Amino acid sequence: MAFPAQVEALVKQGLVWQGQQAPLHKSPSSVLTTGWPELDQRLGGGWLQGCVHELQLQLPFIGELALLFPLLSQPNITSLWVNPPAVPYAPGLSYQNIALSQQVVVQEPDDTLALWAAEQALQSKAVDLVLFWHASGLSAAAVRRLQQAAEAAQKTVFIITATQPEDDARAYAMRLRLTSPLGGCSALQIAVLKRRYGWPLPPFSCAIESRLPKRRRAL
């Protein structure tokens, strides 16, 4: 039975979660591998192009960048960093084979202007990926605006924020919660709170320490 027009409109906005299986055949261009086989398997192939993803952090610097290193290090990927909590460490990025010349950092304390900068980047052919840090979480209206811009340009966005309430509703295509029982990124656990195809999933380990320098790995 077809959805009523009102429900279809909500589905298109990403406001209705659909508990369905991933299609058997998806266009390779619609998915970007995360670089982590265990995560790709759970997300139905990887990060979705034309979509906004949320990374909820138990603690800042828990391993969110290490999780994104495989994507950031892909050739010909130019990324905009909006309001990172610290100045990106250039030697560390170079160690991960991330081209410094393709990383653009914007610090804008005004939420309205920060959102505008992210939208403009999505509309620009010079930017392929947007990382947006927001401690308290973006409003539902802001997420919808970014989702519309990402979908129109077929680009990928990550909103990096603190843990959000379980009943919080936002138009994210995917929502992941990053935690660590040891309080450090060497023991990263990822819970899939929302994914485009399928049910939420309990926490699982992601071996991000393989991308870290030896001095930062767990003993």
C-alpha atoms as a PDB file:
ATOM      1  CA  MET A   1       0.000   0.000   0.000  1.00  0.00           C
ATOM      2  CA  ALA A   2       1.362   3.406  -0.964  1.00  0.00           C
ATOM      3  CA  PHE A   3       2.217   5.935   1.737  1.00  0.00           C
ATOM      4  CA  PRO A   4      -0.045   8.958   2.043  1.00  0.00           C
ATOM      5  CA  ALA A   5       1.487  12.079   0.532  1.00  0.00           C
ATOM      6  CA  GLN A   6       2.265  13.544   3.964  1.00  0.00           C
ATOM      7  CA  VAL A   7       4.227  10.480   5.053  1.00  0.00           C
ATOM      8  CA  GLU A   8       6.105  10.338   1.744  1.00  0.00           C
ATOM      9  CA  ALA A   9       7.168  13.944   2.268  1.00  0.00           C
ATOM     10  CA  LEU A  10       8.514  13.083   5.732  1.00  0.00           C
ATOM     11  CA  VAL A  11      10.397  10.077   4.348  1.00  0.00           C
ATOM     12  CA  LYS A  12      12.087  12.240   1.715  1.00  0.00           C
ATOM     13  CA  GLN A  13      13.200  14.649   4.448  1.00  0.00           C
ATOM     14  CA  GLY A  14      14.744  11.794   6.405  1.00  0.00           C
ATOM     15  CA  LEU A  15      12.360  12.276   9.320  1.00  0.00           C
ATOM     16  CA  VAL A  16      10.872   8.776   9.151  1.00  0.00           C
ATOM     17  CA  TRP A  17      13.154   5.851   9.850  1.00  0.00           C
ATOM     18  CA  GLN A  18      12.656   2.894   7.526  1.00  0.00           C
ATOM     19  CA  GLY A  19      13.547  -0.515   8.941  1.00  0.00           C
ATOM     20  CA  GLN A  20      14.306  -2.184   5.657  1.00  0.00           C
ATOM     21  CA  GLN A  21      17.151  -4.145   4.194  1.00  0.00           C
ATOM     22  CA  ALA A  22      19.771  -2.558   1.968  1.00  0.00           C
ATOM     23  CA  PRO A  23      19.083  -3.075  -1.735  1.00  0.00           C
ATOM     24  CA  LEU A  24      20.994  -5.944  -3.279  1.00  0.00           C
ATOM     25  CA  HIS A  25      22.448  -3.733  -5.996  1.00  0.00           C
ATOM     26  CA  LYS A  26      23.626  -0.236  -5.162  1.00  0.00           C
ATOM     27  CA  SER A  27      25.529   2.127  -7.380  1.00  0.00           C
ATOM     28  CA  PRO A  28      29.237   2.047  -6.377  1.00  0.00           C
ATOM     29  CA  SER A  29      29.343   5.834  -6.707  1.00  0.00           C
ATOM     30  CA  SER A  30      26.661   6.227  -4.023  1.00  0.00           C
ATOM     31  CA  VAL A  31      28.850   4.756  -1.274  1.00  0.00           C
ATOM     32  CA  LEU A  32      32.315   5.699  -0.032  1.00  0.00           C
ATOM     33  CA  THR A  33      34.185   2.954   1.788  1.00  0.00           C
ATOM     34  CA  THR A  34      34.996   3.838   5.386  1.00  0.00           C
ATOM     35  CA  GLY A  35      38.292   1.993   5.126  1.00  0.00           C
ATOM     36  CA  TRP A  36      37.184  -0.292   7.981  1.00  0.00           C
ATOM     37  CA  PRO A  37      35.727  -3.618   6.740  1.00  0.00           C
ATOM     38  CA  GLU A  38      33.812  -4.218   9.975  1.00  0.00           C
ATOM     39  CA  LEU A  39      32.130  -0.817   9.659  1.00  0.00           C
ATOM     40  CA  ASP A  40      31.478  -1.108   5.911  1.00  0.00           C
ATOM     41  CA  GLN A  41      29.660  -4.385   6.528  1.00  0.00           C
ATOM     42  CA  ARG A  42      27.364  -2.839   9.103  1.00  0.00           C
ATOM     43  CA  LEU A  43      26.661   0.308   7.097  1.00  0.00           C
ATOM     44  CA  GLY A  44      25.772  -1.515   3.910  1.00  0.00           C
ATOM     45  CA  GLY A  45      28.998  -0.596   2.112  1.00  0.00           C
ATOM     46  CA  GLY A  46      30.226   2.597   3.763  1.00  0.00           C
ATOM     47  CA  TRP A  47      29.502   6.303   4.043  1.00  0.00           C
ATOM     48  CA  LEU A  48      26.671   7.551   1.834  1.00  0.00           C
ATOM     49  CA  GLN A  49      27.278  10.262  -0.708  1.00  0.00           C
ATOM     50  CA  GLY A  50      24.727  13.033  -0.761  1.00  0.00           C
ATOM     51  CA  CYS A  51      24.006  12.497   2.934  1.00  0.00           C
ATOM     52  CA  VAL A  52      24.726  13.908   6.372  1.00  0.00           C
ATOM     53  CA  HIS A  53      26.221  11.602   9.010  1.00  0.00           C
ATOM     54  CA  GLU A  54      26.362  12.236  12.739  1.00  0.00           C
ATOM     55  CA  LEU A  55      29.241  11.082  14.946  1.00  0.00           C
ATOM     56  CA  GLN A  56      28.301  11.319  18.612  1.00  0.00           C
ATOM     57  CA  LEU A  57      31.311  11.335  20.947  1.00  0.00           C
ATOM     58  CA  GLN A  58      31.449  10.055  24.490  1.00  0.00           C
ATOM     59  CA  LEU A  59      34.529  12.290  24.912  1.00  0.00           C
ATOM     60  CA  PRO A  60      36.332  14.704  22.589  1.00  0.00           C
ATOM     61  CA  PHE A  61      39.313  13.239  20.733  1.00  0.00           C
ATOM     62  CA  ILE A  62      38.077   9.693  21.338  1.00  0.00           C
ATOM     63  CA  GLY A  63      39.196   8.576  17.890  1.00  0.00           C
ATOM     64  CA  GLU A  64      36.797  10.335  15.541  1.00  0.00           C
ATOM     65  CA  LEU A  65      39.577  11.576  13.260  1.00  0.00           C
ATOM     66  CA  ALA A  66      41.285   8.192  13.163  1.00  0.00           C
ATOM     67  CA  LEU A  67      37.950   6.747  12.065  1.00  0.00           C
ATOM     68  CA  LEU A  68      37.888   9.224   9.172  1.00  0.00           C
ATOM     69  CA  PHE A  69      41.587   8.959   8.214  1.00  0.00           C
ATOM     70  CA  PRO A  70      40.971   6.447   5.386  1.00  0.00           C
ATOM     71  CA  LEU A  71      38.443   8.793   3.793  1.00  0.00           C
ATOM     72  CA  LEU A  72      40.470  11.970   4.337  1.00  0.00           C
ATOM     73  CA  SER A  73      43.578  10.367   2.836  1.00  0.00           C
ATOM     74  CA  GLN A  74      41.929   9.450  -0.441  1.00  0.00           C
ATOM     75  CA  PRO A  75      43.510  11.311  -3.375  1.00  0.00           C
ATOM     76  CA  ASN A  76      41.722  14.325  -4.812  1.00  0.00           C
ATOM     77  CA  ILE A  77      39.551  14.796  -1.706  1.00  0.00           C
ATOM     78  CA  THR A  78      39.376  18.406  -0.507  1.00  0.00           C
ATOM     79  CA  SER A  79      37.829  18.788   2.941  1.00  0.00           C
ATOM     80  CA  LEU A  80      36.382  21.741   4.820  1.00  0.00           C
ATOM     81  CA  TRP A  81      36.789  21.594   8.619  1.00  0.00           C
ATOM     82  CA  VAL A  82      34.255  23.834  10.362  1.00  0.00           C
ATOM     83  CA  ASN A  83      35.039  24.693  14.009  1.00  0.00           C
ATOM     84  CA  PRO A  84      37.382  21.810  14.909  1.00  0.00           C
ATOM     85  CA  PRO A  85      38.001  21.815  18.689  1.00  0.00           C
ATOM     86  CA  ALA A  86      41.755  22.196  18.187  1.00  0.00           C
ATOM     87  CA  VAL A  87      44.090  23.317  15.440  1.00  0.00           C
ATOM     88  CA  PRO A  88      44.644  20.296  13.157  1.00  0.00           C
ATOM     89  CA  TYR A  89      48.128  18.889  13.765  1.00  0.00           C
ATOM     90  CA  ALA A  90      49.865  19.142  10.404  1.00  0.00           C
ATOM     91  CA  PRO A  91      52.640  16.531  11.045  1.00  0.00           C
ATOM     92  CA  GLY A  92      49.991  14.057  12.211  1.00  0.00           C
ATOM     93  CA  LEU A  93      47.898  14.586   9.085  1.00  0.00           C
ATOM     94  CA  SER A  94      50.982  14.185   6.894  1.00  0.00           C
ATOM     95  CA  TYR A  95      51.800  10.919   8.704  1.00  0.00           C
ATOM     96  CA  GLN A  96      48.352   9.694   7.615  1.00  0.00           C
ATOM     97  CA  ASN A  97      49.055  10.678   3.978  1.00  0.00           C
ATOM     98  CA  ILE A  98      46.464  13.450   4.147  1.00  0.00           C
ATOM     99  CA  ALA A  99      47.329  16.302   1.783  1.00  0.00           C
ATOM    100  CA  LEU A 100      47.592  19.491   3.837  1.00  0.00           C
ATOM    101  CA  SER A 101      46.945  21.636   0.757  1.00  0.00           C
ATOM    102  CA  GLN A 102      43.505  20.002   0.475  1.00  0.00           C
ATOM    103  CA  GLN A 103      42.381  20.772   4.033  1.00  0.00           C
ATOM    104  CA  VAL A 104      40.537  24.049   4.630  1.00  0.00           C
ATOM    105  CA  VAL A 105      39.789  25.147   8.207  1.00  0.00           C
ATOM    106  CA  VAL A 106      37.103  27.669   9.167  1.00  0.00           C
ATOM    107  CA  GLN A 107      36.623  28.887  12.740  1.00  0.00           C
ATOM    108  CA  GLU A 108      33.322  30.736  13.096  1.00  0.00           C
ATOM    109  CA  PRO A 109      31.717  31.110  16.547  1.00  0.00           C
ATOM    110  CA  ASP A 110      28.427  32.337  15.115  1.00  0.00           C
ATOM    111  CA  ASP A 111      26.262  29.255  14.456  1.00  0.00           C
ATOM    112  CA  THR A 112      24.378  30.917  11.618  1.00  0.00           C
ATOM    113  CA  LEU A 113      27.566  31.862   9.788  1.00  0.00           C
ATOM    114  CA  ALA A 114      29.152  28.460  10.432  1.00  0.00           C
ATOM    115  CA  LEU A 115      26.127  26.756   8.896  1.00  0.00           C
ATOM    116  CA  TRP A 116      26.266  29.164   5.963  1.00  0.00           C
ATOM    117  CA  ALA A 117      29.948  28.342   5.401  1.00  0.00           C
ATOM    118  CA  ALA A 118      29.165  24.621   5.326  1.00  0.00           C
ATOM    119  CA  GLU A 119      26.330  25.134   2.842  1.00  0.00           C
ATOM    120  CA  GLN A 120      28.505  27.268   0.584  1.00  0.00           C
ATOM    121  CA  ALA A 121      31.218  24.615   0.632  1.00  0.00           C
ATOM    122  CA  LEU A 122      28.721  21.963  -0.437  1.00  0.00           C
ATOM    123  CA  GLN A 123      27.704  24.129  -3.361  1.00  0.00           C
ATOM    124  CA  SER A 124      31.337  24.660  -4.401  1.00  0.00           C
ATOM    125  CA  LYS A 125      33.124  22.375  -6.835  1.00  0.00           C
ATOM    126  CA  ALA A 126      36.328  22.986  -4.877  1.00  0.00           C
ATOM    127  CA  VAL A 127      35.165  21.054  -1.790  1.00  0.00           C
ATOM    128  CA  ASP A 128      34.311  17.349  -1.643  1.00  0.00           C
ATOM    129  CA  LEU A 129      33.777  16.689   2.053  1.00  0.00           C
ATOM    130  CA  VAL A 130      32.590  18.720   5.060  1.00  0.00           C
ATOM    131  CA  LEU A 131      33.451  18.056   8.708  1.00  0.00           C
ATOM    132  CA  PHE A 132      31.356  20.178  11.070  1.00  0.00           C
ATOM    133  CA  TRP A 133      31.949  20.201  14.834  1.00  0.00           C
ATOM    134  CA  HIS A 134      29.048  21.355  17.011  1.00  0.00           C
ATOM    135  CA  ALA A 135      29.214  20.603  20.733  1.00  0.00           C
ATOM    136  CA  SER A 136      25.488  20.711  21.488  1.00  0.00           C
ATOM    137  CA  GLY A 137      24.205  19.261  18.203  1.00  0.00           C
ATOM    138  CA  LEU A 138      22.608  21.006  15.253  1.00  0.00           C
ATOM    139  CA  SER A 139      18.918  21.859  15.238  1.00  0.00           C
ATOM    140  CA  ALA A 140      16.525  19.776  13.154  1.00  0.00           C
ATOM    141  CA  ALA A 141      16.145  22.697  10.723  1.00  0.00           C
ATOM    142  CA  ALA A 142      19.928  23.035  10.310  1.00  0.00           C
ATOM    143  CA  VAL A 143      20.326  19.309   9.629  1.00  0.00           C
ATOM    144  CA  ARG A 144      17.582  19.459   6.990  1.00  0.00           C
ATOM    145  CA  ARG A 145      19.308  22.398   5.292  1.00  0.00           C
ATOM    146  CA  LEU A 146      22.622  20.550   5.163  1.00  0.00           C
ATOM    147  CA  GLN A 147      20.941  17.356   3.987  1.00  0.00           C
ATOM    148  CA  GLN A 148      19.281  19.210   1.119  1.00  0.00           C
ATOM    149  CA  ALA A 149      22.580  20.840   0.115  1.00  0.00           C
ATOM    150  CA  ALA A 150      24.508  17.550   0.401  1.00  0.00           C
ATOM    151  CA  GLU A 151      21.926  15.681  -1.650  1.00  0.00           C
ATOM    152  CA  ALA A 152      21.882  18.337  -4.371  1.00  0.00           C
ATOM    153  CA  ALA A 153      25.688  18.246  -4.687  1.00  0.00           C
ATOM    154  CA  GLN A 154      26.081  14.520  -3.920  1.00  0.00           C
ATOM    155  CA  LYS A 155      28.652  15.231  -1.238  1.00  0.00           C
ATOM    156  CA  THR A 156      29.240  13.751   2.204  1.00  0.00           C
ATOM    157  CA  VAL A 157      28.935  15.630   5.491  1.00  0.00           C
ATOM    158  CA  PHE A 158      29.911  14.648   9.025  1.00  0.00           C
ATOM    159  CA  ILE A 159      28.476  16.435  12.059  1.00  0.00           C
ATOM    160  CA  ILE A 160      30.702  15.707  15.065  1.00  0.00           C
ATOM    161  CA  THR A 161      28.988  16.331  18.365  1.00  0.00           C
ATOM    162  CA  ALA A 162      28.515  15.171  21.938  1.00  0.00           C
ATOM    163  CA  THR A 163      26.181  12.309  22.856  1.00  0.00           C
ATOM    164  CA  GLN A 164      22.582  13.202  22.030  1.00  0.00           C
ATOM    165  CA  PRO A 165      19.318  12.039  23.675  1.00  0.00           C
ATOM    166  CA  GLU A 166      18.032   8.680  22.459  1.00  0.00           C
ATOM    167  CA  ASP A 167      14.659  10.137  21.424  1.00  0.00           C
ATOM    168  CA  ASP A 168      16.209  13.051  19.522  1.00  0.00           C
ATOM    169  CA  ALA A 169      14.898  13.201  15.930  1.00  0.00           C
ATOM    170  CA  ARG A 170      17.066  14.575  13.159  1.00  0.00           C
ATOM    171  CA  ALA A 171      17.267  14.069   9.391  1.00  0.00           C
ATOM    172  CA  TYR A 172      20.612  12.261   9.524  1.00  0.00           C
ATOM    173  CA  ALA A 173      21.092   9.389   7.113  1.00  0.00           C
ATOM    174  CA  MET A 174      23.350   7.681   9.644  1.00  0.00           C
ATOM    175  CA  ARG A 175      24.010   8.237  13.338  1.00  0.00           C
ATOM    176  CA  LEU A 176      26.941   6.588  15.105  1.00  0.00           C
ATOM    177  CA  ARG A 177      27.920   6.782  18.766  1.00  0.00           C
ATOM    178  CA  LEU A 178      31.624   6.473  19.587  1.00  0.00           C
ATOM    179  CA  THR A 179      32.622   5.299  23.052  1.00  0.00           C
ATOM    180  CA  SER A 180      35.630   3.782  24.760  1.00  0.00           C
ATOM    181  CA  PRO A 181      35.568   1.720  27.969  1.00  0.00           C
ATOM    182  CA  LEU A 182      39.178   2.786  28.542  1.00  0.00           C
ATOM    183  CA  GLY A 183      38.586   6.444  27.772  1.00  0.00           C
ATOM    184  CA  GLY A 184      41.039   6.418  24.882  1.00  0.00           C
ATOM    185  CA  CYS A 185      40.858   6.001  21.129  1.00  0.00           C
ATOM    186  CA  SER A 186      42.801   2.713  21.165  1.00  0.00           C
ATOM    187  CA  ALA A 187      39.638   0.862  22.290  1.00  0.00           C
ATOM    188  CA  LEU A 188      37.026   2.532  20.128  1.00  0.00           C
ATOM    189  CA  GLN A 189      33.503   1.110  20.225  1.00  0.00           C
ATOM    190  CA  ILE A 190      30.928   2.109  17.606  1.00  0.00           C
ATOM    191  CA  ALA A 191      27.175   1.784  18.038  1.00  0.00           C
ATOM    192  CA  VAL A 192      25.015   2.292  14.944  1.00  0.00           C
ATOM    193  CA  LEU A 193      22.025   4.267  16.196  1.00  0.00           C
ATOM    194  CA  LYS A 194      20.540   4.851  12.759  1.00  0.00           C
ATOM    195  CA  ARG A 195      21.388   3.657   9.272  1.00  0.00           C
ATOM    196  CA  ARG A 196      19.687   4.067   5.943  1.00  0.00           C
ATOM    197  CA  TYR A 197      18.965   0.367   5.555  1.00  0.00           C
ATOM    198  CA  GLY A 198      18.430  -1.840   8.581  1.00  0.00           C
ATOM    199  CA  TRP A 199      17.953  -1.796  12.321  1.00  0.00           C
ATOM    200  CA  PRO A 200      20.243  -0.075  14.840  1.00  0.00           C
ATOM    201  CA  LEU A 201      23.216  -2.174  15.938  1.00  0.00           C
ATOM    202  CA  PRO A 202      24.923  -2.636  19.319  1.00  0.00           C
ATOM    203  CA  PRO A 203      28.508  -1.437  19.900  1.00  0.00           C
ATOM    204  CA  PHE A 204      31.350  -3.264  18.179  1.00  0.00           C
ATOM    205  CA  SER A 205      35.114  -2.752  18.161  1.00  0.00           C
ATOM    206  CA  CYS A 206      36.820  -0.862  15.369  1.00  0.00           C
ATOM    207  CA  ALA A 207      40.594  -1.325  15.150  1.00  0.00           C
ATOM    208  CA  ILE A 208      41.492   2.309  14.556  1.00  0.00           C
ATOM    209  CA  GLU A 209      44.745   1.896  16.459  1.00  0.00           C
ATOM    210  CA  SER A 210      46.211   0.297  13.332  1.00  0.00           C
ATOM    211  CA  ARG A 211      46.288   3.830  11.878  1.00  0.00           C
ATOM    212  CA  LEU A 212      47.946   5.376  14.933  1.00  0.00           C
ATOM    213  CA  PRO A 213      51.689   5.862  15.554  1.00  0.00           C
ATOM    214  CA  LYS A 214      53.183   3.123  17.734  1.00  0.00           C
ATOM    215  CA  ARG A 215      53.560   5.501  20.675  1.00  0.00           C
ATOM    216  CA  ARG A 216      49.770   6.000  20.773  1.00  0.00           C
ATOM    217  CA  ARG A 217      48.765   2.367  20.518  1.00  0.00           C
ATOM    218  CA  ALA A 218      47.567   0.346  23.485  1.00  0.00           C
ATOM    219  CA  LEU A 219      50.290  -1.687  25.158  1.00  0.00           C
END
